PDB file of N, CA and C in Angstrom:
ATOM      1  N   UNK A   1       0.818  -1.196   0.000  1.00  0.00           N
ATOM      2  CA  UNK A   1       0.000   0.000   0.000  1.00  0.00           C
ATOM      3  C   UNK A   1       0.863   1.262   0.000  1.00  0.00           C
ATOM      4  N   UNK A   2       1.864   1.292   0.886  1.00  0.00           N
ATOM      5  CA  UNK A   2       2.736   2.471   0.959  1.00  0.00           C
ATOM      6  C   UNK A   2       3.506   2.676  -0.338  1.00  0.00           C
ATOM      7  N   UNK A   3       3.960   1.580  -0.914  1.00  0.00           N
ATOM      8  CA  UNK A   3       4.714   1.707  -2.167  1.00  0.00           C
ATOM      9  C   UNK A   3       3.818   2.219  -3.292  1.00  0.00           C
ATOM     10  N   UNK A   4       2.559   1.851  -3.274  1.00  0.00           N
ATOM     11  CA  UNK A   4       1.619   2.348  -4.281  1.00  0.00           C
ATOM     12  C   UNK A   4       1.414   3.842  -4.126  1.00  0.00           C
ATOM     13  N   UNK A   5       1.239   4.287  -2.883  1.00  0.00           N
ATOM     14  CA  UNK A   5       1.065   5.721  -2.625  1.00  0.00           C
ATOM     15  C   UNK A   5       2.317   6.480  -3.052  1.00  0.00           C
ATOM     16  N   UNK A   6       3.480   5.932  -2.716  1.00  0.00           N
ATOM     17  CA  UNK A   6       4.736   6.566  -3.104  1.00  0.00           C
ATOM     18  C   UNK A   6       4.836   6.695  -4.623  1.00  0.00           C
ATOM     19  N   UNK A   7       4.497   5.653  -5.341  1.00  0.00           N
ATOM     20  CA  UNK A   7       4.571   5.680  -6.805  1.00  0.00           C
ATOM     21  C   UNK A   7       3.593   6.684  -7.401  1.00  0.00           C
ATOM     22  N   UNK A   8       2.429   6.808  -6.807  1.00  0.00           N
ATOM     23  CA  UNK A   8       1.455   7.797  -7.289  1.00  0.00           C
ATOM     24  C   UNK A   8       1.981   9.214  -7.069  1.00  0.00           C
ATOM     25  N   UNK A   9       2.532   9.459  -5.886  1.00  0.00           N
ATOM     26  CA  UNK A   9       3.093  10.783  -5.601  1.00  0.00           C
ATOM     27  C   UNK A   9       4.253  11.077  -6.539  1.00  0.00           C
ATOM     28  N   UNK A  10       5.112  10.117  -6.749  1.00  0.00           N
ATOM     29  CA  UNK A  10       6.246  10.290  -7.653  1.00  0.00           C
ATOM     30  C   UNK A  10       5.768  10.572  -9.073  1.00  0.00           C
ATOM     31  N   UNK A  11       4.774   9.841  -9.519  1.00  0.00           N
ATOM     32  CA  UNK A  11       4.248  10.036 -10.872  1.00  0.00           C
ATOM     33  C   UNK A  11       3.636  11.423 -11.037  1.00  0.00           C
ATOM     34  N   UNK A  12       3.036  11.928  -9.998  1.00  0.00           N
ATOM     35  CA  UNK A  12       2.452  13.272 -10.060  1.00  0.00           C
ATOM     36  C   UNK A  12       3.527  14.357 -10.024  1.00  0.00           C
ATOM     37  N   UNK A  13       4.602  14.119  -9.301  1.00  0.00           N
ATOM     38  CA  UNK A  13       5.660  15.112  -9.154  1.00  0.00           C
ATOM     39  C   UNK A  13       6.563  15.201 -10.364  1.00  0.00           C
ATOM     40  N   UNK A  14       6.858  14.095 -11.007  1.00  0.00           N
ATOM     41  CA  UNK A  14       7.784  14.104 -12.140  1.00  0.00           C
ATOM     42  C   UNK A  14       7.315  14.970 -13.303  1.00  0.00           C
ATOM     43  N   UNK A  15       6.060  14.898 -13.698  1.00  0.00           N
ATOM     44  CA  UNK A  15       5.640  15.767 -14.797  1.00  0.00           C
ATOM     45  C   UNK A  15       5.775  17.249 -14.466  1.00  0.00           C
ATOM     46  N   UNK A  16       5.557  17.627 -13.196  1.00  0.00           N
ATOM     47  CA  UNK A  16       5.704  19.026 -12.809  1.00  0.00           C
ATOM     48  C   UNK A  16       7.133  19.487 -13.046  1.00  0.00           C
ATOM     49  N   UNK A  17       8.114  18.653 -12.637  1.00  0.00           N
ATOM     50  CA  UNK A  17       9.506  19.025 -12.847  1.00  0.00           C
ATOM     51  C   UNK A  17       9.827  19.091 -14.333  1.00  0.00           C
ATOM     52  N   UNK A  18       9.379  18.115 -15.079  1.00  0.00           N
ATOM     53  CA  UNK A  18       9.644  18.108 -16.519  1.00  0.00           C
ATOM     54  C   UNK A  18       8.986  19.302 -17.182  1.00  0.00           C
ATOM     55  N   UNK A  19       7.746  19.584 -16.811  1.00  0.00           N
ATOM     56  CA  UNK A  19       7.042  20.731 -17.381  1.00  0.00           C
ATOM     57  C   UNK A  19       7.701  22.040 -16.968  1.00  0.00           C
ATOM     58  N   UNK A  20       8.160  22.128 -15.710  1.00  0.00           N
ATOM     59  CA  UNK A  20       8.794  23.366 -15.260  1.00  0.00           C
ATOM     60  C   UNK A  20      10.106  23.599 -15.999  1.00  0.00           C
ATOM     61  N   UNK A  21      10.852  22.538 -16.276  1.00  0.00           N
ATOM     62  CA  UNK A  21      12.109  22.684 -17.016  1.00  0.00           C
ATOM     63  C   UNK A  21      11.839  23.155 -18.439  1.00  0.00           C
ATOM     64  N   UNK A  22      10.833  22.597 -19.085  1.00  0.00           N
ATOM     65  CA  UNK A  22      10.484  23.014 -20.446  1.00  0.00           C
ATOM     66  C   UNK A  22       9.962  24.448 -20.453  1.00  0.00           C
ATOM     67  N   UNK A  23       9.155  24.784 -19.467  1.00  0.00           N
ATOM     68  CA  UNK A  23       8.624  26.141 -19.358  1.00  0.00           C
ATOM     69  C   UNK A  23       9.752  27.141 -19.124  1.00  0.00           C
ATOM     70  N   UNK A  24      10.683  26.788 -18.228  1.00  0.00           N
ATOM     71  CA  UNK A  24      11.843  27.640 -17.975  1.00  0.00           C
ATOM     72  C   UNK A  24      12.630  27.854 -19.266  1.00  0.00           C
ATOM     73  N   UNK A  25      12.839  26.777 -19.993  1.00  0.00           N
ATOM     74  CA  UNK A  25      13.630  26.862 -21.225  1.00  0.00           C
ATOM     75  C   UNK A  25      12.991  27.808 -22.235  1.00  0.00           C
ATOM     76  N   UNK A  26      11.662  27.766 -22.355  1.00  0.00           N
ATOM     77  CA  UNK A  26      10.986  28.592 -23.362  1.00  0.00           C
ATOM     78  C   UNK A  26      10.728  30.022 -22.903  1.00  0.00           C
ATOM     79  N   UNK A  27      10.570  30.249 -21.611  1.00  0.00           N
ATOM     80  CA  UNK A  27      10.193  31.581 -21.130  1.00  0.00           C
ATOM     81  C   UNK A  27      11.308  32.338 -20.416  1.00  0.00           C
ATOM     82  N   UNK A  28      12.288  31.644 -19.860  1.00  0.00           N
ATOM     83  CA  UNK A  28      13.250  32.300 -18.976  1.00  0.00           C
ATOM     84  C   UNK A  28      14.707  32.215 -19.444  1.00  0.00           C
ATOM     85  N   UNK A  29      15.065  31.085 -20.050  1.00  0.00           N
ATOM     86  CA  UNK A  29      16.472  30.812 -20.352  1.00  0.00           C
ATOM     87  C   UNK A  29      17.090  31.826 -21.304  1.00  0.00           C
ATOM     88  N   UNK A  30      16.285  32.458 -22.154  1.00  0.00           N
ATOM     89  CA  UNK A  30      16.861  33.419 -23.100  1.00  0.00           C
ATOM     90  C   UNK A  30      17.559  34.575 -22.384  1.00  0.00           C
ATOM     91  N   UNK A  31      17.082  34.934 -21.205  1.00  0.00           N
ATOM     92  CA  UNK A  31      17.718  36.003 -20.429  1.00  0.00           C
ATOM     93  C   UNK A  31      18.524  35.452 -19.254  1.00  0.00           C
ATOM     94  N   UNK A  32      17.937  34.489 -18.538  1.00  0.00           N
ATOM     95  CA  UNK A  32      18.558  33.967 -17.329  1.00  0.00           C
ATOM     96  C   UNK A  32      19.575  32.880 -17.610  1.00  0.00           C
ATOM     97  N   UNK A  33      19.595  32.348 -18.834  1.00  0.00           N
ATOM     98  CA  UNK A  33      20.541  31.305 -19.212  1.00  0.00           C
ATOM     99  C   UNK A  33      20.070  29.927 -18.786  1.00  0.00           C
ATOM    100  N   UNK A  34      20.567  28.891 -19.459  1.00  0.00           N
ATOM    101  CA  UNK A  34      20.131  27.530 -19.156  1.00  0.00           C
ATOM    102  C   UNK A  34      20.459  27.095 -17.728  1.00  0.00           C
ATOM    103  N   UNK A  35      21.524  27.615 -17.161  1.00  0.00           N
ATOM    104  CA  UNK A  35      21.927  27.256 -15.797  1.00  0.00           C
ATOM    105  C   UNK A  35      21.433  28.270 -14.768  1.00  0.00           C
ATOM    106  N   UNK A  36      20.654  29.264 -15.206  1.00  0.00           N
ATOM    107  CA  UNK A  36      20.102  30.250 -14.282  1.00  0.00           C
ATOM    108  C   UNK A  36      21.108  31.250 -13.757  1.00  0.00           C
ATOM    109  N   UNK A  37      22.237  31.385 -14.443  1.00  0.00           N
ATOM    110  CA  UNK A  37      23.305  32.273 -13.961  1.00  0.00           C
ATOM    111  C   UNK A  37      23.183  33.706 -14.469  1.00  0.00           C
ATOM    112  N   UNK A  38      22.318  33.929 -15.444  1.00  0.00           N
ATOM    113  CA  UNK A  38      22.207  35.254 -16.042  1.00  0.00           C
ATOM    114  C   UNK A  38      23.346  35.565 -16.978  1.00  0.00           C
ATOM    115  N   UNK A  39      24.106  34.541 -17.346  1.00  0.00           N
ATOM    116  CA  UNK A  39      25.298  34.706 -18.177  1.00  0.00           C
ATOM    117  C   UNK A  39      24.933  34.638 -19.667  1.00  0.00           C
ATOM    118  N   UNK A  40      24.054  35.539 -20.060  1.00  0.00           N
ATOM    119  CA  UNK A  40      23.672  35.683 -21.460  1.00  0.00           C
ATOM    120  C   UNK A  40      23.907  37.142 -21.838  1.00  0.00           C
ATOM    121  N   UNK A  41      23.850  37.457 -23.105  1.00  0.00           N
ATOM    122  CA  UNK A  41      24.041  38.856 -23.524  1.00  0.00           C
ATOM    123  C   UNK A  41      23.007  39.753 -22.851  1.00  0.00           C
ATOM    124  N   UNK A  42      21.756  39.336 -22.876  1.00  0.00           N
ATOM    125  CA  UNK A  42      20.689  40.121 -22.241  1.00  0.00           C
ATOM    126  C   UNK A  42      20.888  40.148 -20.731  1.00  0.00           C
ATOM    127  N   UNK A  43      21.205  39.002 -20.159  1.00  0.00           N
ATOM    128  CA  UNK A  43      21.411  38.914 -18.713  1.00  0.00           C
ATOM    129  C   UNK A  43      22.514  39.828 -18.230  1.00  0.00           C
ATOM    130  N   UNK A  44      23.621  39.867 -18.967  1.00  0.00           N
ATOM    131  CA  UNK A  44      24.736  40.740 -18.601  1.00  0.00           C
ATOM    132  C   UNK A  44      24.340  42.205 -18.728  1.00  0.00           C
ATOM    133  N   UNK A  45      23.626  42.535 -19.795  1.00  0.00           N
ATOM    134  CA  UNK A  45      23.200  43.916 -20.022  1.00  0.00           C
ATOM    135  C   UNK A  45      22.246  44.394 -18.923  1.00  0.00           C
ATOM    136  N   UNK A  46      21.385  43.477 -18.467  1.00  0.00           N
ATOM    137  CA  UNK A  46      20.389  43.842 -17.458  1.00  0.00           C
ATOM    138  C   UNK A  46      20.877  43.629 -16.028  1.00  0.00           C
ATOM    139  N   UNK A  47      22.059  43.047 -15.850  1.00  0.00           N
ATOM    140  CA  UNK A  47      22.593  42.806 -14.510  1.00  0.00           C
ATOM    141  C   UNK A  47      21.826  41.748 -13.742  1.00  0.00           C
ATOM    142  N   UNK A  48      21.385  40.705 -14.449  1.00  0.00           N
ATOM    143  CA  UNK A  48      20.603  39.638 -13.828  1.00  0.00           C
ATOM    144  C   UNK A  48      21.474  38.843 -12.859  1.00  0.00           C
ATOM    145  N   UNK A  49      20.941  38.609 -11.664  1.00  0.00           N
ATOM    146  CA  UNK A  49      21.646  37.806 -10.660  1.00  0.00           C
ATOM    147  C   UNK A  49      21.418  36.320 -10.914  1.00  0.00           C
ATOM    148  N   UNK A  50      22.367  35.537 -10.505  1.00  0.00           N
ATOM    149  CA  UNK A  50      22.255  34.079 -10.618  1.00  0.00           C
ATOM    150  C   UNK A  50      21.152  33.580  -9.696  1.00  0.00           C
ATOM    151  N   UNK A  51      20.369  32.610 -10.172  1.00  0.00           N
ATOM    152  CA  UNK A  51      19.344  32.011  -9.327  1.00  0.00           C
ATOM    153  C   UNK A  51      19.967  31.237  -8.171  1.00  0.00           C
ATOM    154  N   UNK A  52      21.238  30.866  -8.274  1.00  0.00           N
ATOM    155  CA  UNK A  52      21.922  30.162  -7.196  1.00  0.00           C
ATOM    156  C   UNK A  52      22.395  31.103  -6.095  1.00  0.00           C
ATOM    157  N   UNK A  53      22.354  32.406  -6.352  1.00  0.00           N
ATOM    158  CA  UNK A  53      22.863  33.370  -5.373  1.00  0.00           C
ATOM    159  C   UNK A  53      22.003  33.378  -4.112  1.00  0.00           C
ATOM    160  N   UNK A  54      22.646  33.718  -3.019  1.00  0.00           N
ATOM    161  CA  UNK A  54      21.934  33.797  -1.737  1.00  0.00           C
ATOM    162  C   UNK A  54      20.822  34.840  -1.802  1.00  0.00           C
ATOM    163  N   UNK A  55      21.066  35.946  -2.510  1.00  0.00           N
ATOM    164  CA  UNK A  55      20.056  37.006  -2.622  1.00  0.00           C
ATOM    165  C   UNK A  55      18.764  36.510  -3.246  1.00  0.00           C
ATOM    166  N   UNK A  56      18.885  35.680  -4.263  1.00  0.00           N
ATOM    167  CA  UNK A  56      17.689  35.148  -4.929  1.00  0.00           C
ATOM    168  C   UNK A  56      17.072  34.038  -4.086  1.00  0.00           C
ATOM    169  N   UNK A  57      17.888  33.124  -3.605  1.00  0.00           N
ATOM    170  CA  UNK A  57      17.367  31.970  -2.883  1.00  0.00           C
ATOM    171  C   UNK A  57      16.744  32.332  -1.531  1.00  0.00           C
ATOM    172  N   UNK A  58      17.140  33.467  -0.945  1.00  0.00           N
ATOM    173  CA  UNK A  58      16.538  33.851   0.334  1.00  0.00           C
ATOM    174  C   UNK A  58      15.159  34.483   0.152  1.00  0.00           C
ATOM    175  N   UNK A  59      14.808  34.827  -1.076  1.00  0.00           N
ATOM    176  CA  UNK A  59      13.477  35.372  -1.320  1.00  0.00           C
ATOM    177  C   UNK A  59      12.436  34.278  -1.097  1.00  0.00           C
ATOM    178  N   UNK A  60      11.293  34.682  -0.591  1.00  0.00           N
ATOM    179  CA  UNK A  60      10.222  33.717  -0.350  1.00  0.00           C
ATOM    180  C   UNK A  60       9.588  33.320  -1.682  1.00  0.00           C
ATOM    181  N   UNK A  61       8.857  32.230  -1.648  1.00  0.00           N
ATOM    182  CA  UNK A  61       8.126  31.812  -2.845  1.00  0.00           C
ATOM    183  C   UNK A  61       7.145  32.902  -3.269  1.00  0.00           C
ATOM    184  N   UNK A  62       6.536  33.561  -2.295  1.00  0.00           N
ATOM    185  CA  UNK A  62       5.589  34.639  -2.605  1.00  0.00           C
ATOM    186  C   UNK A  62       6.294  35.793  -3.306  1.00  0.00           C
ATOM    187  N   UNK A  63       7.507  36.132  -2.875  1.00  0.00           N
ATOM    188  CA  UNK A  63       8.257  37.206  -3.523  1.00  0.00           C
ATOM    189  C   UNK A  63       8.625  36.832  -4.954  1.00  0.00           C
ATOM    190  N   UNK A  64       9.099  35.609  -5.150  1.00  0.00           N
ATOM    191  CA  UNK A  64       9.452  35.169  -6.502  1.00  0.00           C
ATOM    192  C   UNK A  64       8.217  35.122  -7.392  1.00  0.00           C
ATOM    193  N   UNK A  65       7.111  34.656  -6.845  1.00  0.00           N
ATOM    194  CA  UNK A  65       5.850  34.631  -7.598  1.00  0.00           C
ATOM    195  C   UNK A  65       5.457  36.044  -8.010  1.00  0.00           C
ATOM    196  N   UNK A  66       5.595  36.987  -7.104  1.00  0.00           N
ATOM    197  CA  UNK A  66       5.249  38.379  -7.391  1.00  0.00           C
ATOM    198  C   UNK A  66       6.137  38.955  -8.497  1.00  0.00           C
ATOM    199  N   UNK A  67       7.424  38.651  -8.450  1.00  0.00           N
ATOM    200  CA  UNK A  67       8.354  39.143  -9.468  1.00  0.00           C
ATOM    201  C   UNK A  67       8.007  38.563 -10.841  1.00  0.00           C
ATOM    202  N   UNK A  68       7.748  37.263 -10.890  1.00  0.00           N
ATOM    203  CA  UNK A  68       7.400  36.637 -12.167  1.00  0.00           C
ATOM    204  C   UNK A  68       6.069  37.184 -12.682  1.00  0.00           C
ATOM    205  N   UNK A  69       5.119  37.356 -11.792  1.00  0.00           N
ATOM    206  CA  UNK A  69       3.786  37.815 -12.172  1.00  0.00           C
ATOM    207  C   UNK A  69       3.778  39.270 -12.634  1.00  0.00           C
ATOM    208  N   UNK A  70       4.408  40.152 -11.846  1.00  0.00           N
ATOM    209  CA  UNK A  70       4.329  41.595 -12.102  1.00  0.00           C
ATOM    210  C   UNK A  70       5.549  42.169 -12.813  1.00  0.00           C
ATOM    211  N   UNK A  71       6.628  41.394 -12.861  1.00  0.00           N
ATOM    212  CA  UNK A  71       7.875  41.901 -13.407  1.00  0.00           C
ATOM    213  C   UNK A  71       8.616  42.689 -12.349  1.00  0.00           C
ATOM    214  N   UNK A  72       9.846  43.041 -12.657  1.00  0.00           N
ATOM    215  CA  UNK A  72      10.648  43.831 -11.718  1.00  0.00           C
ATOM    216  C   UNK A  72      11.758  44.496 -12.503  1.00  0.00           C
ATOM    217  N   UNK A  73      11.919  45.790 -12.319  1.00  0.00           N
ATOM    218  CA  UNK A  73      12.937  46.507 -13.079  1.00  0.00           C
ATOM    219  C   UNK A  73      12.659  46.370 -14.559  1.00  0.00           C
ATOM    220  N   UNK A  74      13.628  45.851 -15.301  1.00  0.00           N
ATOM    221  CA  UNK A  74      13.483  45.673 -16.743  1.00  0.00           C
ATOM    222  C   UNK A  74      12.838  44.342 -17.123  1.00  0.00           C
ATOM    223  N   UNK A  75      12.614  43.476 -16.125  1.00  0.00           N
ATOM    224  CA  UNK A  75      11.995  42.182 -16.414  1.00  0.00           C
ATOM    225  C   UNK A  75      10.512  42.369 -16.699  1.00  0.00           C
ATOM    226  N   UNK A  76      10.072  41.721 -17.745  1.00  0.00           N
ATOM    227  CA  UNK A  76       8.667  41.790 -18.136  1.00  0.00           C
ATOM    228  C   UNK A  76       7.790  41.008 -17.176  1.00  0.00           C
ATOM    229  N   UNK A  77       6.528  41.410 -17.073  1.00  0.00           N
ATOM    230  CA  UNK A  77       5.542  40.689 -16.277  1.00  0.00           C
ATOM    231  C   UNK A  77       5.013  39.498 -17.068  1.00  0.00           C
ATOM    232  N   UNK A  78       4.837  38.376 -16.396  1.00  0.00           N
ATOM    233  CA  UNK A  78       4.311  37.178 -17.042  1.00  0.00           C
ATOM    234  C   UNK A  78       2.925  36.808 -16.531  1.00  0.00           C
ATOM    235  N   UNK A  79       2.334  37.657 -15.680  1.00  0.00           N
ATOM    236  CA  UNK A  79       1.034  37.366 -15.100  1.00  0.00           C
ATOM    237  C   UNK A  79      -0.061  37.151 -16.122  1.00  0.00           C
ATOM    238  N   UNK A  80      -0.034  37.867 -17.218  1.00  0.00           N
ATOM    239  CA  UNK A  80      -1.051  37.704 -18.248  1.00  0.00           C
ATOM    240  C   UNK A  80      -0.706  36.654 -19.284  1.00  0.00           C
ATOM    241  N   UNK A  81       0.512  36.120 -19.191  1.00  0.00           N
ATOM    242  CA  UNK A  81       0.987  35.161 -20.190  1.00  0.00           C
ATOM    243  C   UNK A  81       1.070  33.737 -19.654  1.00  0.00           C
ATOM    244  N   UNK A  82       1.184  33.605 -18.336  1.00  0.00           N
ATOM    245  CA  UNK A  82       1.315  32.291 -17.712  1.00  0.00           C
ATOM    246  C   UNK A  82       0.221  32.112 -16.667  1.00  0.00           C
ATOM    247  N   UNK A  83      -0.198  30.880 -16.481  1.00  0.00           N
ATOM    248  CA  UNK A  83      -1.198  30.591 -15.450  1.00  0.00           C
ATOM    249  C   UNK A  83      -0.526  30.613 -14.073  1.00  0.00           C
ATOM    250  N   UNK A  84      -1.335  30.658 -13.036  1.00  0.00           N
ATOM    251  CA  UNK A  84      -0.817  30.609 -11.670  1.00  0.00           C
ATOM    252  C   UNK A  84      -0.029  29.320 -11.437  1.00  0.00           C
ATOM    253  N   UNK A  85      -0.498  28.212 -11.985  1.00  0.00           N
ATOM    254  CA  UNK A  85       0.216  26.933 -11.837  1.00  0.00           C
ATOM    255  C   UNK A  85       1.558  26.958 -12.558  1.00  0.00           C
ATOM    256  N   UNK A  86       1.617  27.590 -13.716  1.00  0.00           N
ATOM    257  CA  UNK A  86       2.886  27.689 -14.449  1.00  0.00           C
ATOM    258  C   UNK A  86       3.880  28.560 -13.683  1.00  0.00           C
ATOM    259  N   UNK A  87       3.399  29.642 -13.103  1.00  0.00           N
ATOM    260  CA  UNK A  87       4.278  30.512 -12.317  1.00  0.00           C
ATOM    261  C   UNK A  87       4.781  29.770 -11.086  1.00  0.00           C
ATOM    262  N   UNK A  88       3.907  29.025 -10.439  1.00  0.00           N
ATOM    263  CA  UNK A  88       4.311  28.215  -9.284  1.00  0.00           C
ATOM    264  C   UNK A  88       5.372  27.198  -9.696  1.00  0.00           C
ATOM    265  N   UNK A  89       5.211  26.576 -10.848  1.00  0.00           N
ATOM    266  CA  UNK A  89       6.190  25.608 -11.352  1.00  0.00           C
ATOM    267  C   UNK A  89       7.536  26.279 -11.600  1.00  0.00           C
ATOM    268  N   UNK A  90       7.523  27.511 -12.084  1.00  0.00           N
ATOM    269  CA  UNK A  90       8.780  28.233 -12.306  1.00  0.00           C
ATOM    270  C   UNK A  90       9.476  28.537 -10.985  1.00  0.00           C
ATOM    271  N   UNK A  91       8.722  28.895  -9.968  1.00  0.00           N
ATOM    272  CA  UNK A  91       9.317  29.135  -8.648  1.00  0.00           C
ATOM    273  C   UNK A  91       9.985  27.858  -8.141  1.00  0.00           C
ATOM    274  N   UNK A  92       9.301  26.740  -8.278  1.00  0.00           N
ATOM    275  CA  UNK A  92       9.883  25.449  -7.879  1.00  0.00           C
ATOM    276  C   UNK A  92      11.160  25.196  -8.675  1.00  0.00           C
ATOM    277  N   UNK A  93      11.136  25.502  -9.966  1.00  0.00           N
ATOM    278  CA  UNK A  93      12.315  25.282 -10.801  1.00  0.00           C
ATOM    279  C   UNK A  93      13.466  26.202 -10.392  1.00  0.00           C
ATOM    280  N   UNK A  94      13.175  27.437 -10.062  1.00  0.00           N
ATOM    281  CA  UNK A  94      14.209  28.367  -9.606  1.00  0.00           C
ATOM    282  C   UNK A  94      14.909  27.818  -8.372  1.00  0.00           C
ATOM    283  N   UNK A  95      14.183  27.163  -7.509  1.00  0.00           N
ATOM    284  CA  UNK A  95      14.767  26.564  -6.300  1.00  0.00           C
ATOM    285  C   UNK A  95      15.769  25.464  -6.640  1.00  0.00           C
ATOM    286  N   UNK A  96      15.642  24.850  -7.804  1.00  0.00           N
ATOM    287  CA  UNK A  96      16.587  23.789  -8.169  1.00  0.00           C
ATOM    288  C   UNK A  96      17.975  24.339  -8.478  1.00  0.00           C
ATOM    289  N   UNK A  97      18.091  25.638  -8.668  1.00  0.00           N
ATOM    290  CA  UNK A  97      19.398  26.246  -8.956  1.00  0.00           C
ATOM    291  C   UNK A  97      20.202  26.551  -7.696  1.00  0.00           C
ATOM    292  N   UNK A  98      19.617  26.324  -6.528  1.00  0.00           N
ATOM    293  CA  UNK A  98      20.310  26.627  -5.269  1.00  0.00           C
ATOM    294  C   UNK A  98      21.632  25.858  -5.233  1.00  0.00           C
ATOM    295  N   UNK A  99      22.645  26.514  -4.683  1.00  0.00           N
ATOM    296  CA  UNK A  99      23.942  25.841  -4.531  1.00  0.00           C
ATOM    297  C   UNK A  99      23.779  24.663  -3.586  1.00  0.00           C
ATOM    298  N   UNK A 100      24.401  23.583  -3.976  1.00  0.00           N
ATOM    299  CA  UNK A 100      24.294  22.372  -3.144  1.00  0.00           C
ATOM    300  C   UNK A 100      25.532  22.155  -2.335  1.00  0.00           C
TER     301      UNK A 100
END
């Protein structure tokens, strides 16, 4: 029984990660870079911080959600372009860049 529950939870979680990675690649990587370092031409021009930085990782999920939704500085708002679930998935994906 426990193994069945575990497999169901795992099956539900894996698509979210896969979808968040694909969503990140199509919506964020052009500026933030594939590794989330901001090491792109646009990222360098805009002074984008690495998602692995302490400054970014110490922000709450609500703060990151707000930034993605409303934009910040030169970053465009994605609130009208992405669903709440997609924005939540991006926040989860941003957390994967934390230094280990």
